[in-house]
Protein backbone atom coordinates (compact mmCIF):
# COMPACT_ATOMS: atom_id res chain seq x y z
CA MET A 1 -132.37 -47.90 -15.28
CA THR A 2 -131.70 -45.26 -17.89
CA THR A 3 -131.90 -45.17 -21.69
CA GLU A 4 -131.77 -41.47 -22.40
CA GLY A 5 -128.94 -41.91 -24.87
CA ALA A 6 -130.64 -44.54 -27.01
CA PRO A 7 -132.90 -42.24 -29.02
CA THR A 8 -130.08 -39.84 -29.70
CA ALA A 9 -127.92 -42.64 -31.02
CA ARG A 10 -130.77 -43.91 -33.17
CA ALA A 11 -131.38 -40.44 -34.55
CA THR A 12 -127.75 -40.09 -35.45
CA THR A 13 -127.73 -43.32 -37.42
CA GLU A 14 -130.85 -42.31 -39.32
CA VAL A 15 -129.20 -39.37 -40.98
CA GLN A 16 -126.06 -41.22 -41.93
CA SER A 17 -125.56 -42.67 -45.38
CA HIS A 18 -126.10 -46.40 -45.49
CA THR A 19 -122.77 -46.85 -47.16
CA GLY A 20 -119.44 -47.09 -45.45
CA PRO A 21 -118.82 -47.64 -41.71
CA TRP A 22 -122.43 -47.07 -40.63
CA GLU A 23 -123.65 -49.79 -42.95
CA ARG A 24 -121.09 -52.23 -41.58
CA TRP A 25 -121.01 -51.27 -37.91
CA GLY A 26 -124.20 -49.28 -37.23
CA TRP A 27 -125.84 -52.37 -35.74
CA LEU A 28 -123.42 -52.05 -32.83
CA MET A 29 -125.38 -49.03 -31.62
CA ALA A 30 -128.49 -51.19 -31.20
CA VAL A 31 -126.48 -53.91 -29.47
CA VAL A 32 -124.86 -51.45 -27.06
CA TRP A 33 -128.23 -50.19 -25.81
CA MET A 34 -129.36 -53.76 -25.14
CA VAL A 35 -127.34 -53.53 -21.94
CA PHE A 36 -130.27 -51.70 -20.35
CA LEU A 37 -132.36 -54.84 -20.69
CA VAL A 38 -130.48 -55.90 -17.57
CA TYR A 39 -133.49 -54.71 -15.56
CA PRO A 40 -135.98 -57.22 -16.99
CA VAL A 41 -133.18 -59.80 -16.82
CA LEU A 42 -132.79 -59.21 -13.08
CA SER A 43 -136.54 -59.30 -12.68
CA LEU A 44 -136.67 -62.71 -14.40
CA LEU A 45 -133.90 -64.02 -12.16
CA ARG A 46 -135.85 -62.90 -9.07
CA SER A 47 -139.26 -63.91 -10.40
CA ASP A 48 -141.56 -66.05 -8.21
CA ALA A 49 -143.79 -66.95 -11.14
CA ALA A 50 -144.27 -70.49 -12.36
CA THR A 51 -141.39 -72.06 -14.22
CA GLY A 52 -143.32 -72.04 -17.49
CA TRP A 53 -144.00 -68.31 -17.28
CA VAL A 54 -140.35 -67.61 -16.44
CA ALA A 55 -139.20 -69.73 -19.40
CA LEU A 56 -141.62 -67.86 -21.65
CA GLY A 57 -140.24 -64.61 -20.26
CA TRP A 58 -136.69 -65.57 -21.16
CA VAL A 59 -137.67 -66.59 -24.69
CA ALA A 60 -139.64 -63.36 -25.12
CA LEU A 61 -136.76 -61.25 -23.79
CA VAL A 62 -134.18 -62.79 -26.11
CA SER A 63 -136.59 -62.57 -29.05
CA PHE A 64 -137.25 -58.91 -28.28
CA ALA A 65 -133.52 -58.13 -28.31
CA VAL A 66 -132.94 -59.97 -31.60
CA VAL A 67 -135.96 -58.43 -33.32
CA TYR A 68 -135.06 -54.96 -32.05
CA VAL A 69 -131.53 -55.16 -33.46
CA ILE A 70 -132.75 -56.51 -36.82
CA GLY A 71 -135.42 -53.83 -37.07
CA PHE A 72 -132.89 -51.19 -36.04
CA VAL A 73 -130.52 -52.11 -38.87
CA ILE A 74 -133.27 -52.34 -41.50
CA GLY A 75 -134.87 -49.09 -40.34
CA MET A 76 -131.52 -47.35 -40.38
CA ARG A 77 -131.18 -48.22 -44.07
CA SER A 78 -134.72 -47.14 -44.96
CA GLU A 79 -135.58 -43.78 -46.48
CA TRP A 80 -136.72 -41.32 -43.83
CA GLY A 81 -140.51 -41.27 -43.61
CA LYS A 82 -140.86 -44.41 -45.75
CA PRO A 83 -140.21 -47.45 -43.52
CA LYS A 84 -140.15 -50.86 -45.10
CA PRO A 85 -143.12 -53.15 -44.31
CA LEU A 86 -140.77 -55.49 -42.44
CA VAL A 87 -139.85 -52.68 -40.04
CA ARG A 88 -143.54 -52.21 -39.16
CA ASN A 89 -144.09 -55.96 -38.74
CA LEU A 90 -141.11 -56.27 -36.42
CA PHE A 91 -142.57 -53.49 -34.28
CA TRP A 92 -145.66 -55.61 -33.58
CA VAL A 93 -143.43 -58.59 -32.80
CA GLN A 94 -141.60 -56.50 -30.19
CA ILE A 95 -144.87 -55.53 -28.54
CA VAL A 96 -145.93 -59.18 -28.38
CA CYS A 97 -142.56 -60.14 -26.87
CA ALA A 98 -142.82 -57.40 -24.23
CA LEU A 99 -146.36 -58.50 -23.28
CA ALA A 100 -145.21 -62.12 -23.04
CA THR A 101 -142.88 -61.19 -20.17
CA VAL A 102 -145.67 -59.68 -18.04
CA PRO A 103 -146.73 -62.97 -16.32
CA ALA A 104 -143.14 -63.47 -15.15
CA ILE A 105 -141.98 -59.94 -14.29
CA ASP A 106 -145.26 -58.10 -13.82
CA SER A 107 -145.00 -54.29 -14.10
CA GLN A 108 -141.25 -54.42 -14.73
CA ALA A 109 -142.25 -55.00 -18.35
CA LEU A 110 -142.52 -51.20 -18.49
CA SER A 111 -138.74 -51.32 -19.07
CA PHE A 112 -139.49 -52.14 -22.72
CA LEU A 113 -141.37 -48.87 -23.32
CA PRO A 114 -138.30 -46.66 -24.07
CA TYR A 115 -137.18 -49.13 -26.74
CA LEU A 116 -140.62 -49.25 -28.35
CA MET A 117 -140.81 -45.44 -28.31
CA SER A 118 -137.41 -44.99 -29.91
CA TYR A 119 -138.10 -47.69 -32.49
CA ALA A 120 -141.38 -46.03 -33.47
CA SER A 121 -139.85 -42.54 -33.54
CA TYR A 122 -136.83 -43.31 -35.69
CA GLY A 123 -137.79 -46.50 -37.49
CA LEU A 124 -141.47 -45.85 -38.26
CA ARG A 125 -141.79 -42.06 -37.82
CA GLY A 126 -144.79 -39.86 -38.39
CA ALA A 127 -148.05 -40.96 -36.76
CA TRP A 128 -146.35 -44.04 -35.32
CA HIS A 129 -144.16 -41.77 -33.20
CA TRP A 130 -147.10 -39.87 -31.74
CA VAL A 131 -149.30 -42.90 -31.12
CA THR A 132 -146.50 -44.88 -29.47
CA THR A 133 -145.33 -41.90 -27.40
CA VAL A 134 -148.77 -41.04 -26.09
CA GLY A 135 -149.60 -44.72 -25.60
CA SER A 136 -146.39 -45.34 -23.62
CA ILE A 137 -146.96 -42.36 -21.32
CA ALA A 138 -150.55 -43.43 -20.78
CA THR A 139 -149.52 -47.05 -20.11
CA ALA A 140 -146.87 -46.09 -17.56
CA THR A 141 -149.26 -43.71 -15.81
CA ILE A 142 -152.11 -46.22 -15.68
CA VAL A 143 -149.88 -49.00 -14.35
CA ILE A 144 -148.58 -46.72 -11.59
CA LEU A 145 -152.11 -45.65 -10.64
CA VAL A 146 -153.47 -49.20 -10.68
CA THR A 147 -150.60 -50.77 -8.76
CA GLY A 148 -150.10 -47.82 -6.42
CA ARG A 149 -146.35 -48.35 -6.69
CA PHE A 150 -145.46 -44.77 -7.56
CA GLU A 151 -142.05 -44.75 -5.87
CA TYR A 152 -141.14 -48.11 -7.43
CA HIS A 153 -141.98 -46.98 -10.96
CA PHE A 154 -141.23 -43.28 -10.67
CA GLN A 155 -137.87 -43.69 -12.40
CA ILE A 156 -139.35 -45.42 -15.43
CA LEU A 157 -142.06 -42.75 -15.70
CA VAL A 158 -139.45 -39.99 -15.72
CA ILE A 159 -137.45 -41.86 -18.36
CA VAL A 160 -140.52 -42.34 -20.55
CA LEU A 161 -141.31 -38.61 -20.34
CA LEU A 162 -137.71 -37.66 -21.15
CA ILE A 163 -137.60 -40.10 -24.04
CA ALA A 164 -140.85 -38.61 -25.35
CA VAL A 165 -139.38 -35.10 -25.38
CA VAL A 166 -136.01 -36.16 -26.82
CA ASN A 167 -137.56 -38.32 -29.53
CA THR A 168 -140.01 -35.60 -30.55
CA VAL A 169 -137.29 -32.97 -30.85
CA ASN A 170 -134.86 -35.30 -32.61
CA ALA A 171 -137.48 -36.58 -35.04
CA TRP A 172 -138.43 -33.01 -35.89
CA LEU A 173 -134.79 -32.00 -36.42
CA ILE A 174 -134.08 -35.04 -38.56
CA GLY A 175 -137.20 -34.36 -40.60
CA ARG A 176 -136.06 -30.79 -41.17
CA SER A 177 -132.62 -32.03 -42.17
CA VAL A 178 -134.13 -34.54 -44.62
CA ASP A 179 -136.32 -31.80 -46.11
CA ALA A 180 -133.28 -29.55 -46.45
CA ASP A 181 -131.35 -32.33 -48.17
CA ARG A 182 -134.26 -32.86 -50.55
CA VAL A 183 -134.28 -29.16 -51.40
CA ARG A 184 -130.52 -29.23 -51.97
CA VAL A 185 -130.93 -32.18 -54.32
CA GLU A 186 -133.66 -30.34 -56.24
CA LEU A 187 -131.47 -27.23 -56.47
CA ALA A 188 -128.51 -29.31 -57.61
CA THR A 189 -130.71 -30.91 -60.25
CA SER A 190 -131.89 -27.49 -61.37
CA ASP A 191 -128.29 -26.24 -61.51
CA GLU A 192 -127.28 -29.27 -63.55
CA ARG A 193 -130.10 -28.65 -65.99
CA ALA A 194 -128.99 -25.05 -66.35
CA SER A 195 -125.41 -26.22 -66.83
CA ILE A 196 -126.46 -28.66 -69.56
CA ALA A 197 -128.52 -25.95 -71.24
CA ARG A 198 -125.50 -23.65 -71.11
CA ASP A 199 -123.26 -26.38 -72.55
CA VAL A 200 -125.64 -27.05 -75.42
CA HIS A 201 -125.96 -23.32 -76.10
CA ASP A 202 -122.19 -22.88 -76.16
CA LEU A 203 -121.61 -25.91 -78.32
CA LEU A 204 -124.42 -25.59 -80.86
CA GLY A 205 -124.24 -21.79 -81.04
CA HIS A 206 -120.64 -21.94 -82.15
CA THR A 207 -121.09 -24.87 -84.52
CA LEU A 208 -124.26 -23.64 -86.19
CA THR A 209 -122.71 -20.23 -86.76
CA ALA A 210 -119.73 -21.84 -88.49
CA VAL A 211 -122.01 -24.17 -90.46
CA LYS A 212 -124.14 -21.24 -91.61
CA LEU A 213 -121.10 -19.32 -92.82
CA LYS A 214 -119.71 -22.32 -94.65
CA ALA A 215 -123.08 -23.16 -96.19
CA GLU A 216 -123.40 -19.60 -97.50
CA LEU A 217 -119.87 -19.79 -98.87
CA ALA A 218 -120.53 -23.17 -100.52
CA GLU A 219 -123.70 -21.78 -102.08
CA ARG A 220 -121.73 -18.95 -103.68
CA LEU A 221 -118.97 -21.27 -104.87
CA VAL A 222 -121.05 -24.17 -106.18
CA ASP A 223 -121.09 -22.76 -109.72
CA GLN A 224 -117.81 -20.81 -109.70
CA ASP A 225 -115.54 -23.29 -107.92
CA PRO A 226 -117.22 -26.68 -107.41
CA GLU A 227 -114.13 -28.27 -105.86
CA ARG A 228 -113.86 -25.65 -103.14
CA ALA A 229 -117.63 -25.85 -102.58
CA LYS A 230 -117.20 -29.60 -102.00
CA ALA A 231 -114.42 -28.87 -99.52
CA GLU A 232 -116.68 -26.47 -97.60
CA LEU A 233 -119.47 -29.04 -97.59
CA ALA A 234 -117.03 -31.63 -96.26
CA GLN A 235 -116.12 -29.25 -93.43
CA ILE A 236 -119.83 -28.76 -92.70
CA VAL A 237 -120.19 -32.54 -92.37
CA HIS A 238 -117.18 -32.59 -90.06
CA LEU A 239 -118.52 -29.75 -87.90
CA THR A 240 -121.96 -31.29 -87.56
CA GLY A 241 -120.35 -34.59 -86.59
CA GLU A 242 -118.37 -32.81 -83.89
CA ALA A 243 -121.53 -31.09 -82.69
CA ILE A 244 -123.36 -34.40 -82.38
CA ALA A 245 -120.46 -35.90 -80.47
CA GLY A 246 -120.29 -32.83 -78.26
CA VAL A 247 -123.99 -33.01 -77.40
CA ARG A 248 -123.61 -36.67 -76.51
CA SER A 249 -120.62 -35.88 -74.33
CA THR A 250 -122.55 -33.12 -72.59
CA VAL A 251 -125.51 -35.37 -71.88
CA THR A 252 -123.24 -38.04 -70.44
CA GLY A 253 -121.37 -35.49 -68.34
CA ILE A 254 -118.17 -35.54 -70.34
CA ARG A 255 -117.74 -31.86 -70.96
CA GLY A 256 -115.76 -30.04 -73.60
CA ALA A 257 -112.49 -30.59 -75.39
CA ALA A 258 -108.93 -29.79 -74.50
CA LEU A 259 -107.97 -26.12 -74.74
CA SER A 260 -105.45 -26.81 -77.48
CA GLU A 261 -108.09 -28.55 -79.57
CA GLN A 262 -110.51 -25.69 -79.02
CA ILE A 263 -107.86 -23.20 -80.13
CA GLN A 264 -107.48 -25.14 -83.37
CA ALA A 265 -111.24 -25.30 -83.88
CA SER A 266 -111.70 -21.59 -83.17
CA THR A 267 -108.79 -20.67 -85.42
CA LEU A 268 -110.28 -22.73 -88.24
CA ALA A 269 -113.73 -21.17 -87.81
CA LEU A 270 -112.36 -17.61 -87.67
CA GLU A 271 -110.01 -18.04 -90.61
CA SER A 272 -112.78 -19.61 -92.66
CA ALA A 273 -114.74 -16.40 -92.09
CA GLY A 274 -111.83 -14.36 -93.42
CA LEU A 275 -110.36 -13.18 -90.09
CA GLN A 276 -106.67 -13.12 -89.23
CA VAL A 277 -105.90 -15.10 -86.07
CA ARG A 278 -102.81 -14.85 -83.89
CA VAL A 279 -102.22 -17.25 -81.03
CA GLU A 280 -99.74 -16.30 -78.29
CA GLY A 281 -98.69 -18.44 -75.36
CA ASP A 282 -98.86 -22.11 -74.51
CA PRO A 283 -102.12 -23.90 -73.61
CA ALA A 284 -100.09 -25.99 -71.16
CA SER A 285 -99.54 -22.87 -69.05
CA LEU A 286 -103.07 -23.35 -67.70
CA SER A 287 -103.88 -26.18 -65.36
CA PRO A 288 -106.33 -28.91 -66.45
CA ALA A 289 -108.97 -27.42 -64.16
CA GLN A 290 -108.49 -24.04 -65.85
CA SER A 291 -108.25 -25.41 -69.39
CA LEU A 292 -111.76 -26.83 -69.42
CA PRO A 293 -113.64 -23.57 -68.67
CA ALA A 294 -111.10 -21.65 -70.77
CA GLY A 295 -111.96 -23.83 -73.76
CA TRP A 296 -115.66 -23.18 -73.35
CA ILE A 297 -115.12 -19.45 -72.95
CA LEU A 298 -112.93 -19.40 -76.05
CA ARG A 299 -115.67 -21.23 -77.95
CA GLU A 300 -118.34 -18.73 -76.86
CA SER A 301 -116.06 -15.77 -77.63
CA THR A 302 -115.44 -17.15 -81.10
CA THR A 303 -119.18 -17.45 -81.67
CA ASN A 304 -119.75 -13.88 -80.48
CA ILE A 305 -117.00 -12.55 -82.76
CA LEU A 306 -118.42 -14.32 -85.78
CA ARG A 307 -121.93 -13.14 -85.04
CA HIS A 308 -121.54 -9.61 -83.79
CA ALA A 309 -118.02 -8.17 -83.92
CA ALA A 310 -117.47 -7.47 -87.62
CA ALA A 311 -113.80 -7.89 -86.81
CA ARG A 312 -110.80 -8.46 -89.07
CA ARG A 313 -108.20 -9.65 -86.57
CA VAL A 314 -108.35 -11.80 -83.45
CA ARG A 315 -105.63 -12.48 -80.91
CA ILE A 316 -105.77 -15.38 -78.44
CA THR A 317 -103.35 -15.04 -75.54
CA MET A 318 -102.50 -17.59 -72.85
CA ALA A 319 -100.31 -17.27 -69.79
CA PRO A 320 -100.22 -18.94 -66.37
CA GLY A 321 -103.66 -18.33 -64.87
CA VAL A 322 -104.85 -16.12 -67.74
CA VAL A 323 -106.57 -16.59 -71.07
CA ALA A 324 -107.72 -13.67 -73.24
CA ILE A 325 -109.50 -13.29 -76.57
CA GLU A 326 -109.20 -9.88 -78.25
CA ASP A 327 -110.68 -8.59 -81.52
CA ASP A 328 -110.64 -5.31 -83.44
CA GLY A 329 -114.35 -5.23 -84.14
CA ARG A 330 -117.15 -2.92 -83.07
CA GLY A 331 -116.64 -3.39 -79.34
CA SER A 332 -119.10 -4.55 -76.70
CA ARG A 333 -122.53 -2.97 -76.97
CA GLY A 334 -125.84 -3.43 -75.22
CA PRO A 335 -126.70 -5.67 -72.26
CA ALA A 336 -125.02 -8.98 -71.66
CA GLY A 337 -126.68 -11.91 -73.40
CA ASN A 338 -126.90 -15.57 -72.47
CA GLY A 339 -123.42 -16.17 -73.86
CA LEU A 340 -121.68 -13.62 -71.66
CA ARG A 341 -123.68 -14.66 -68.62
CA GLY A 342 -122.75 -18.27 -69.29
CA MET A 343 -119.07 -17.38 -69.56
CA ALA A 344 -119.22 -15.42 -66.29
CA GLU A 345 -120.89 -18.37 -64.55
CA ARG A 346 -118.33 -20.80 -65.88
CA ALA A 347 -115.44 -18.61 -64.84
CA ALA A 348 -116.87 -18.14 -61.35
CA ALA A 349 -117.56 -21.88 -60.96
CA ALA A 350 -113.90 -22.56 -61.85
CA GLY A 351 -112.64 -19.95 -59.39
CA GLY A 352 -111.82 -17.37 -62.06
CA VAL A 353 -112.96 -13.85 -62.82
CA LEU A 354 -114.34 -12.92 -66.24
CA ALA A 355 -113.62 -9.45 -67.61
CA VAL A 356 -115.22 -8.00 -70.76
CA GLU A 357 -113.70 -4.66 -71.73
CA ASP A 358 -112.74 -2.48 -74.66
CA ALA A 359 -109.57 -3.52 -76.45
CA ASP A 360 -106.74 -1.13 -77.27
CA ASP A 361 -107.61 -1.12 -80.98
CA GLY A 362 -111.30 -0.43 -80.38
CA GLY A 363 -112.64 -3.98 -80.30
CA THR A 364 -113.49 -6.21 -77.36
CA ARG A 365 -111.21 -8.07 -74.96
CA VAL A 366 -112.60 -11.03 -73.04
CA SER A 367 -110.32 -12.49 -70.38
CA VAL A 368 -110.45 -14.91 -67.50
CA THR A 369 -108.00 -14.63 -64.64
CA TRP A 370 -107.46 -17.15 -61.82
């Protein structure tokens, strides 16, 4: 008899997602390893025990197989280290079934030990693994010593020892893998939080800058030109509405606007501040995957120009795989702030390279190239 492969198969199913083929067909792994119950089956067929004990043995054997498969499937779908109560209860049922075969097959009931060990290691885990492993080794050893049938049970003792080593190593490796997955999830969550923070910074930084400029302009015009002041206030209402919608989209994971729409928004914001804007190229020359980060980078560049550049002219250029924003302002000075770092991260995440350099006319040129 040999069941060395059973624990390995059980370990493999534990780390699989419970969706897809494993959820539908993973139970076959438990059924396949039931073939090794042929040894207690043969023992029952050859048993000299009373008919009642043999009948009880058959019922117990069939019950053990059914309960093992059910527990296998449920345990496979449980979170590692957190078995469902039913999985624990079915473990005790298996032990009772194995003990019920003893009057009919005597010490051949040791054939159930590898199954109990694997079930405890991969279905129950933790302390259950160690208690069951040590208990199984002790049980096999004691039975051999008491019966004096060392040669007869030597094979099962070797299998129990091998299963103990394999289960211990596999359980440790699976635990490490689960811990690594948990860390990856935490890192992904942290990255997503940083991404959301970056999105909100990009969105609100741009909008609030434009709102501030328009509010200052409306304040100056309220007495001189009330109609134009009303128009500026109307644009403030429009911009704040867009900002609210943008924050909602960011929170729900729907990021950004189309590049062409962002070009229009940036042009409007820059021209409202008195800058001349020239747009060259076609937004369609960039792929959809490139347009999304390009729109965010254009938004951040617009905010930086309005805040820091003291520019008079801005040129936005688009070509296949390239988008550039160039101004004739004071040029880049000092260390990179959150805006530039955010743009660099976005460009890198989209497979592009961000470049911030001096423009030909003394200002700053920000470009992304894929």
